[in-house]
Amino acid sequence: ATEIPVGLSVVAGHLPESSLHRLD
């Protein structure tokens, strides 16, 4: 529930691609 919105935001251009590789 917290990671999927990050991926959608990257696809939409609201977040940089570096957000796909955060340590979690």
PDB file of all heavy atoms in Angstrom:
ATOM      1  N   ALA A   1       0.809  -1.215   0.000  1.00  0.00           N
ATOM      2  CA  ALA A   1       0.000   0.000   0.000  1.00  0.00           C
ATOM      3  C   ALA A   1       0.845   1.268   0.000  1.00  0.00           C
ATOM      4  O   ALA A   1       0.368   2.320  -0.440  1.00  0.00           O
ATOM      5  CB  ALA A   1      -0.931   0.001   1.209  1.00  0.00           C
ATOM      6  N   THR A   2       2.076   1.182   0.472  1.00  0.00           N
ATOM      7  CA  THR A   2       2.945   2.358   0.471  1.00  0.00           C
ATOM      8  C   THR A   2       3.890   2.406  -0.719  1.00  0.00           C
ATOM      9  O   THR A   2       4.289   3.498  -1.152  1.00  0.00           O
ATOM     10  CB  THR A   2       3.771   2.404   1.780  1.00  0.00           C
ATOM     11  OG1 THR A   2       4.449   1.150   1.963  1.00  0.00           O
ATOM     12  CG2 THR A   2       2.879   2.659   2.973  1.00  0.00           C
ATOM     13  N   GLU A   3       4.254   1.254  -1.267  1.00  0.00           N
ATOM     14  CA  GLU A   3       5.203   1.237  -2.384  1.00  0.00           C
ATOM     15  C   GLU A   3       4.524   1.392  -3.739  1.00  0.00           C
ATOM     16  O   GLU A   3       5.093   2.004  -4.655  1.00  0.00           O
ATOM     17  CB  GLU A   3       6.014  -0.059  -2.365  1.00  0.00           C
ATOM     18  CG  GLU A   3       6.986  -0.175  -1.199  1.00  0.00           C
ATOM     19  CD  GLU A   3       8.143   0.803  -1.283  1.00  0.00           C
ATOM     20  OE1 GLU A   3       8.334   1.419  -2.352  1.00  0.00           O
ATOM     21  OE2 GLU A   3       8.848   0.968  -0.274  1.00  0.00           O
ATOM     22  N   ILE A   4       3.331   0.837  -3.893  1.00  0.00           N
ATOM     23  CA  ILE A   4       2.647   0.947  -5.193  1.00  0.00           C
ATOM     24  C   ILE A   4       2.383   2.407  -5.573  1.00  0.00           C
ATOM     25  O   ILE A   4       2.604   2.800  -6.730  1.00  0.00           O
ATOM     26  CB  ILE A   4       1.358   0.112  -5.183  1.00  0.00           C
ATOM     27  CG1 ILE A   4       1.718  -1.384  -5.183  1.00  0.00           C
ATOM     28  CG2 ILE A   4       0.479   0.445  -6.374  1.00  0.00           C
ATOM     29  CD1 ILE A   4       0.514  -2.303  -5.114  1.00  0.00           C
ATOM     30  N   PRO A   5       1.899   3.259  -4.649  1.00  0.00           N
ATOM     31  CA  PRO A   5       1.745   4.674  -5.029  1.00  0.00           C
ATOM     32  C   PRO A   5       3.052   5.340  -5.462  1.00  0.00           C
ATOM     33  O   PRO A   5       3.035   6.248  -6.305  1.00  0.00           O
ATOM     34  CB  PRO A   5       1.196   5.315  -3.748  1.00  0.00           C
ATOM     35  CG  PRO A   5       0.501   4.211  -3.041  1.00  0.00           C
ATOM     36  CD  PRO A   5       1.326   2.999  -3.317  1.00  0.00           C
ATOM     37  N   VAL A   6       4.168   4.901  -4.912  1.00  0.00           N
ATOM     38  CA  VAL A   6       5.456   5.456  -5.340  1.00  0.00           C
ATOM     39  C   VAL A   6       5.707   5.119  -6.808  1.00  0.00           C
ATOM     40  O   VAL A   6       6.120   5.978  -7.608  1.00  0.00           O
ATOM     41  CB  VAL A   6       6.592   4.920  -4.450  1.00  0.00           C
ATOM     42  CG1 VAL A   6       7.948   5.345  -5.003  1.00  0.00           C
ATOM     43  CG2 VAL A   6       6.423   5.414  -3.024  1.00  0.00           C
ATOM     44  N   GLY A   7       5.490   3.852  -7.169  1.00  0.00           N
ATOM     45  CA  GLY A   7       5.677   3.468  -8.564  1.00  0.00           C
ATOM     46  C   GLY A   7       4.753   4.221  -9.507  1.00  0.00           C
ATOM     47  O   GLY A   7       5.177   4.658 -10.588  1.00  0.00           O
ATOM     48  N   LEU A   8       3.499   4.410  -9.098  1.00  0.00           N
ATOM     49  CA  LEU A   8       2.566   5.164  -9.946  1.00  0.00           C
ATOM     50  C   LEU A   8       2.977   6.620 -10.068  1.00  0.00           C
ATOM     51  O   LEU A   8       2.835   7.224 -11.149  1.00  0.00           O
ATOM     52  CB  LEU A   8       1.153   5.062  -9.360  1.00  0.00           C
ATOM     53  CG  LEU A   8       0.540   3.655  -9.327  1.00  0.00           C
ATOM     54  CD1 LEU A   8      -0.831   3.683  -8.659  1.00  0.00           C
ATOM     55  CD2 LEU A   8       0.443   3.073 -10.730  1.00  0.00           C
ATOM     56  N   SER A   9       3.510   7.175  -8.985  1.00  0.00           N
ATOM     57  CA  SER A   9       3.947   8.574  -9.044  1.00  0.00           C
ATOM     58  C   SER A   9       5.162   8.737  -9.944  1.00  0.00           C
ATOM     59  O   SER A   9       5.311   9.760 -10.633  1.00  0.00           O
ATOM     60  CB  SER A   9       4.270   9.067  -7.627  1.00  0.00           C
ATOM     61  OG  SER A   9       3.114   9.032  -6.813  1.00  0.00           O
ATOM     62  N   VAL A  10       6.055   7.751  -9.966  1.00  0.00           N
ATOM     63  CA  VAL A  10       7.210   7.810 -10.863  1.00  0.00           C
ATOM     64  C   VAL A  10       6.755   7.728 -12.312  1.00  0.00           C
ATOM     65  O   VAL A  10       7.249   8.451 -13.186  1.00  0.00           O
ATOM     66  CB  VAL A  10       8.199   6.685 -10.522  1.00  0.00           C
ATOM     67  CG1 VAL A  10       9.307   6.597 -11.574  1.00  0.00           C
ATOM     68  CG2 VAL A  10       8.804   6.908  -9.141  1.00  0.00           C
ATOM     69  N   VAL A  11       5.806   6.828 -12.584  1.00  0.00           N
ATOM     70  CA  VAL A  11       5.292   6.703 -13.959  1.00  0.00           C
ATOM     71  C   VAL A  11       4.621   7.997 -14.407  1.00  0.00           C
ATOM     72  O   VAL A  11       4.761   8.441 -15.559  1.00  0.00           O
ATOM     73  CB  VAL A  11       4.302   5.529 -14.039  1.00  0.00           C
ATOM     74  CG1 VAL A  11       3.604   5.492 -15.396  1.00  0.00           C
ATOM     75  CG2 VAL A  11       5.029   4.212 -13.787  1.00  0.00           C
ATOM     76  N   ALA A  12       3.914   8.648 -13.480  1.00  0.00           N
ATOM     77  CA  ALA A  12       3.223   9.893 -13.828  1.00  0.00           C
ATOM     78  C   ALA A  12       4.167  11.080 -13.886  1.00  0.00           C
ATOM     79  O   ALA A  12       3.764  12.170 -14.309  1.00  0.00           O
ATOM     80  CB  ALA A  12       2.106  10.166 -12.821  1.00  0.00           C
ATOM     81  N   GLY A  13       5.418  10.893 -13.448  1.00  0.00           N
ATOM     82  CA  GLY A  13       6.375  11.985 -13.508  1.00  0.00           C
ATOM     83  C   GLY A  13       6.403  12.875 -12.290  1.00  0.00           C
ATOM     84  O   GLY A  13       7.080  13.911 -12.301  1.00  0.00           O
ATOM     85  N   HIS A  14       5.703  12.484 -11.227  1.00  0.00           N
ATOM     86  CA  HIS A  14       5.688  13.312 -10.019  1.00  0.00           C
ATOM     87  C   HIS A  14       6.874  13.032  -9.098  1.00  0.00           C
ATOM     88  O   HIS A  14       7.177  13.857  -8.233  1.00  0.00           O
ATOM     89  CB  HIS A  14       4.385  13.073  -9.249  1.00  0.00           C
ATOM     90  CG  HIS A  14       3.161  13.421 -10.031  1.00  0.00           C
ATOM     91  ND1 HIS A  14       2.909  14.692 -10.517  1.00  0.00           N
ATOM     92  CD2 HIS A  14       2.093  12.669 -10.422  1.00  0.00           C
ATOM     93  CE1 HIS A  14       1.748  14.714 -11.154  1.00  0.00           C
ATOM     94  NE2 HIS A  14       1.237  13.482 -11.117  1.00  0.00           N
ATOM     95  N   LEU A  15       7.537  11.886  -9.270  1.00  0.00           N
ATOM     96  CA  LEU A  15       8.698  11.535  -8.460  1.00  0.00           C
ATOM     97  C   LEU A  15       9.829  11.108  -9.377  1.00  0.00           C
ATOM     98  O   LEU A  15       9.587  10.560 -10.461  1.00  0.00           O
ATOM     99  CB  LEU A  15       8.366  10.392  -7.484  1.00  0.00           C
ATOM    100  CG  LEU A  15       7.434  10.725  -6.321  1.00  0.00           C
ATOM    101  CD1 LEU A  15       7.128   9.457  -5.521  1.00  0.00           C
ATOM    102  CD2 LEU A  15       8.035  11.787  -5.407  1.00  0.00           C
ATOM    103  N   PRO A  16      11.076  11.320  -8.967  1.00  0.00           N
ATOM    104  CA  PRO A  16      12.210  10.889  -9.807  1.00  0.00           C
ATOM    105  C   PRO A  16      12.358   9.376  -9.778  1.00  0.00           C
ATOM    106  O   PRO A  16      11.836   8.688  -8.905  1.00  0.00           O
ATOM    107  CB  PRO A  16      13.412  11.583  -9.150  1.00  0.00           C
ATOM    108  CG  PRO A  16      13.000  11.775  -7.724  1.00  0.00           C
ATOM    109  CD  PRO A  16      11.523  12.030  -7.753  1.00  0.00           C
ATOM    110  N   GLU A  17      13.113   8.846 -10.757  1.00  0.00           N
ATOM    111  CA  GLU A  17      13.302   7.408 -10.838  1.00  0.00           C
ATOM    112  C   GLU A  17      14.115   6.852  -9.673  1.00  0.00           C
ATOM    113  O   GLU A  17      14.044   5.657  -9.390  1.00  0.00           O
ATOM    114  CB  GLU A  17      14.011   7.049 -12.161  1.00  0.00           C
ATOM    115  CG  GLU A  17      13.144   7.247 -13.382  1.00  0.00           C
ATOM    116  CD  GLU A  17      13.784   6.667 -14.626  1.00  0.00           C
ATOM    117  OE1 GLU A  17      14.864   6.037 -14.497  1.00  0.00           O
ATOM    118  OE2 GLU A  17      13.227   6.834 -15.722  1.00  0.00           O
ATOM    119  N   SER A  18      14.848   7.684  -8.997  1.00  0.00           N
ATOM    120  CA  SER A  18      15.606   7.218  -7.834  1.00  0.00           C
ATOM    121  C   SER A  18      14.694   6.730  -6.711  1.00  0.00           C
ATOM    122  O   SER A  18      15.129   5.966  -5.850  1.00  0.00           O
ATOM    123  CB  SER A  18      16.503   8.345  -7.312  1.00  0.00           C
ATOM    124  OG  SER A  18      15.718   9.482  -6.936  1.00  0.00           O
ATOM    125  N   SER A  19      13.417   7.147  -6.734  1.00  0.00           N
ATOM    126  CA  SER A  19      12.466   6.689  -5.717  1.00  0.00           C
ATOM    127  C   SER A  19      12.159   5.209  -5.860  1.00  0.00           C
ATOM    128  O   SER A  19      11.643   4.600  -4.914  1.00  0.00           O
ATOM    129  CB  SER A  19      11.172   7.499  -5.805  1.00  0.00           C
ATOM    130  OG  SER A  19      11.410   8.877  -5.602  1.00  0.00           O
ATOM    131  N   LEU A  20      12.473   4.625  -7.012  1.00  0.00           N
ATOM    132  CA  LEU A  20      12.219   3.203  -7.216  1.00  0.00           C
ATOM    133  C   LEU A  20      13.229   2.327  -6.486  1.00  0.00           C
ATOM    134  O   LEU A  20      13.021   1.110  -6.381  1.00  0.00           O
ATOM    135  CB  LEU A  20      12.260   2.864  -8.706  1.00  0.00           C
ATOM    136  CG  LEU A  20      11.255   3.600  -9.606  1.00  0.00           C
ATOM    137  CD1 LEU A  20      11.489   3.222 -11.064  1.00  0.00           C
ATOM    138  CD2 LEU A  20       9.826   3.266  -9.199  1.00  0.00           C
ATOM    139  N   HIS A  21      14.303   2.906  -5.975  1.00  0.00           N
ATOM    140  CA  HIS A  21      15.393   2.125  -5.402  1.00  0.00           C
ATOM    141  C   HIS A  21      15.678   2.532  -3.949  1.00  0.00           C
ATOM    142  O   HIS A  21      16.803   2.408  -3.485  1.00  0.00           O
ATOM    143  CB  HIS A  21      16.662   2.281  -6.238  1.00  0.00           C
ATOM    144  CG  HIS A  21      16.485   1.892  -7.672  1.00  0.00           C
ATOM    145  ND1 HIS A  21      16.523   0.584  -8.105  1.00  0.00           N
ATOM    146  CD2 HIS A  21      16.253   2.661  -8.782  1.00  0.00           C
ATOM    147  CE1 HIS A  21      16.343   0.549  -9.415  1.00  0.00           C
ATOM    148  NE2 HIS A  21      16.167   1.790  -9.855  1.00  0.00           N
ATOM    149  N   ARG A  22      14.693   3.006  -3.243  1.00  0.00           N
ATOM    150  CA  ARG A  22      14.902   3.383  -1.841  1.00  0.00           C
ATOM    151  C   ARG A  22      15.054   2.136  -0.972  1.00  0.00           C
ATOM    152  O   ARG A  22      14.492   1.075  -1.265  1.00  0.00           O
ATOM    153  CB  ARG A  22      13.732   4.234  -1.332  1.00  0.00           C
ATOM    154  CG  ARG A  22      12.404   3.527  -1.363  1.00  0.00           C
ATOM    155  CD  ARG A  22      11.273   4.435  -0.891  1.00  0.00           C
ATOM    156  NE  ARG A  22      11.457   4.866   0.482  1.00  0.00           N
ATOM    157  CZ  ARG A  22      11.033   4.175   1.530  1.00  0.00           C
ATOM    158  NH1 ARG A  22      10.435   3.007   1.352  1.00  0.00           N
ATOM    159  NH2 ARG A  22      11.220   4.636   2.734  1.00  0.00           N
ATOM    160  N   LEU A  23      15.832   2.241   0.098  1.00  0.00           N
ATOM    161  CA  LEU A  23      16.073   1.115   0.995  1.00  0.00           C
ATOM    162  C   LEU A  23      14.888   0.965   1.941  1.00  0.00           C
ATOM    163  O   LEU A  23      14.533   1.892   2.673  1.00  0.00           O
ATOM    164  CB  LEU A  23      17.361   1.342   1.781  1.00  0.00           C
ATOM    165  CG  LEU A  23      17.933   0.143   2.542  1.00  0.00           C
ATOM    166  CD1 LEU A  23      18.271  -0.984   1.575  1.00  0.00           C
ATOM    167  CD2 LEU A  23      19.165   0.554   3.334  1.00  0.00           C
ATOM    168  N   ASP A  24      14.270  -0.203   1.921  1.00  0.00           N
ATOM    169  CA  ASP A  24      13.063  -0.424   2.731  1.00  0.00           C
ATOM    170  C   ASP A  24      13.094  -1.859   3.257  1.00  0.00           C
ATOM    171  O   ASP A  24      12.969  -2.814   2.494  1.00  0.00           O
ATOM    172  CB  ASP A  24      11.809  -0.183   1.880  1.00  0.00           C
ATOM    173  CG  ASP A  24      10.535  -0.251   2.719  1.00  0.00           C
ATOM    174  OD1 ASP A  24      10.640  -0.219   3.963  1.00  0.00           O
ATOM    175  OD2 ASP A  24       9.442  -0.343   2.137  1.00  0.00           O
TER     176      ASP A  24
END
